[in-house]
Amino acid sequence: MPITVEELAQTIDHTVLKPETTRSKIKQLCEEAIDYNFAAVCINAVHVE
């Protein structure tokens, strides 16, 4: 049985690991993950308080 685009999206981890990434880029990453229903968002630990 073929997988749908929606089912595939739910298996994707959206990631940005560059320590020089801006808050704006992280916000954009999160918004994209919500829009496409991705499974997870991963960022570099330097951005976690």
C-alpha atoms as a PDB file:
ATOM      1  CA  MET A   1       0.000   0.000   0.000  1.00  0.00           C
ATOM      2  CA  PRO A   2       1.560   3.328  -1.027  1.00  0.00           C
ATOM      3  CA  ILE A   3       2.312   5.937   1.608  1.00  0.00           C
ATOM      4  CA  THR A   4       0.594   9.315   1.303  1.00  0.00           C
ATOM      5  CA  VAL A   5       2.403  12.652   1.342  1.00  0.00           C
ATOM      6  CA  GLU A   6       0.829  13.390   4.723  1.00  0.00           C
ATOM      7  CA  GLU A   7       2.049  10.076   6.178  1.00  0.00           C
ATOM      8  CA  LEU A   8       5.537  10.701   4.820  1.00  0.00           C
ATOM      9  CA  ALA A   9       5.635  14.185   6.377  1.00  0.00           C
ATOM     10  CA  GLN A  10       4.913  12.653   9.790  1.00  0.00           C
ATOM     11  CA  THR A  11       8.196  10.716   9.563  1.00  0.00           C
ATOM     12  CA  ILE A  12      10.394  13.775   8.928  1.00  0.00           C
ATOM     13  CA  ASP A  13      12.569  15.409  11.581  1.00  0.00           C
ATOM     14  CA  HIS A  14      13.086  19.066  10.555  1.00  0.00           C
ATOM     15  CA  THR A  15      16.588  20.037  11.639  1.00  0.00           C
ATOM     16  CA  VAL A  16      18.976  22.973  11.887  1.00  0.00           C
ATOM     17  CA  LEU A  17      22.111  22.239  13.902  1.00  0.00           C
ATOM     18  CA  LYS A  18      24.363  25.165  13.002  1.00  0.00           C
ATOM     19  CA  PRO A  19      25.308  27.013  16.200  1.00  0.00           C
ATOM     20  CA  GLU A  20      25.216  30.345  14.336  1.00  0.00           C
ATOM     21  CA  THR A  21      21.532  29.887  13.429  1.00  0.00           C
ATOM     22  CA  THR A  22      19.356  32.856  14.384  1.00  0.00           C
ATOM     23  CA  ARG A  23      16.173  32.865  16.468  1.00  0.00           C
ATOM     24  CA  SER A  24      14.359  33.920  13.322  1.00  0.00           C
ATOM     25  CA  LYS A  25      15.538  30.814  11.454  1.00  0.00           C
ATOM     26  CA  ILE A  26      14.528  28.590  14.384  1.00  0.00           C
ATOM     27  CA  LYS A  27      11.082  30.202  14.440  1.00  0.00           C
ATOM     28  CA  GLN A  28      10.753  29.629  10.696  1.00  0.00           C
ATOM     29  CA  LEU A  29      11.817  25.994  11.175  1.00  0.00           C
ATOM     30  CA  CYS A  30       9.127  25.480  13.827  1.00  0.00           C
ATOM     31  CA  GLU A  31       6.457  27.146  11.700  1.00  0.00           C
ATOM     32  CA  GLU A  32       7.333  24.887   8.755  1.00  0.00           C
ATOM     33  CA  ALA A  33       7.187  21.818  11.003  1.00  0.00           C
ATOM     34  CA  ILE A  34       3.711  22.827  12.172  1.00  0.00           C
ATOM     35  CA  ASP A  35       2.525  23.637   8.639  1.00  0.00           C
ATOM     36  CA  TYR A  36       3.686  20.283   7.246  1.00  0.00           C
ATOM     37  CA  ASN A  37       2.996  18.198  10.374  1.00  0.00           C
ATOM     38  CA  PHE A  38       6.598  16.988  10.681  1.00  0.00           C
ATOM     39  CA  ALA A  39       7.426  14.507  13.440  1.00  0.00           C
ATOM     40  CA  ALA A  40      10.028  16.619  15.249  1.00  0.00           C
ATOM     41  CA  VAL A  41      12.176  19.744  15.268  1.00  0.00           C
ATOM     42  CA  CYS A  42      15.844  19.429  16.202  1.00  0.00           C
ATOM     43  CA  ILE A  43      18.067  22.407  17.032  1.00  0.00           C
ATOM     44  CA  ASN A  44      21.545  22.809  18.459  1.00  0.00           C
ATOM     45  CA  ALA A  45      21.645  22.726  22.265  1.00  0.00           C
ATOM     46  CA  VAL A  46      23.306  26.168  22.354  1.00  0.00           C
ATOM     47  CA  HIS A  47      19.853  27.608  21.607  1.00  0.00           C
ATOM     48  CA  VAL A  48      18.124  25.892  24.543  1.00  0.00           C
ATOM     49  CA  GLU A  49      17.773  27.769  27.826  1.00  0.00           C
END
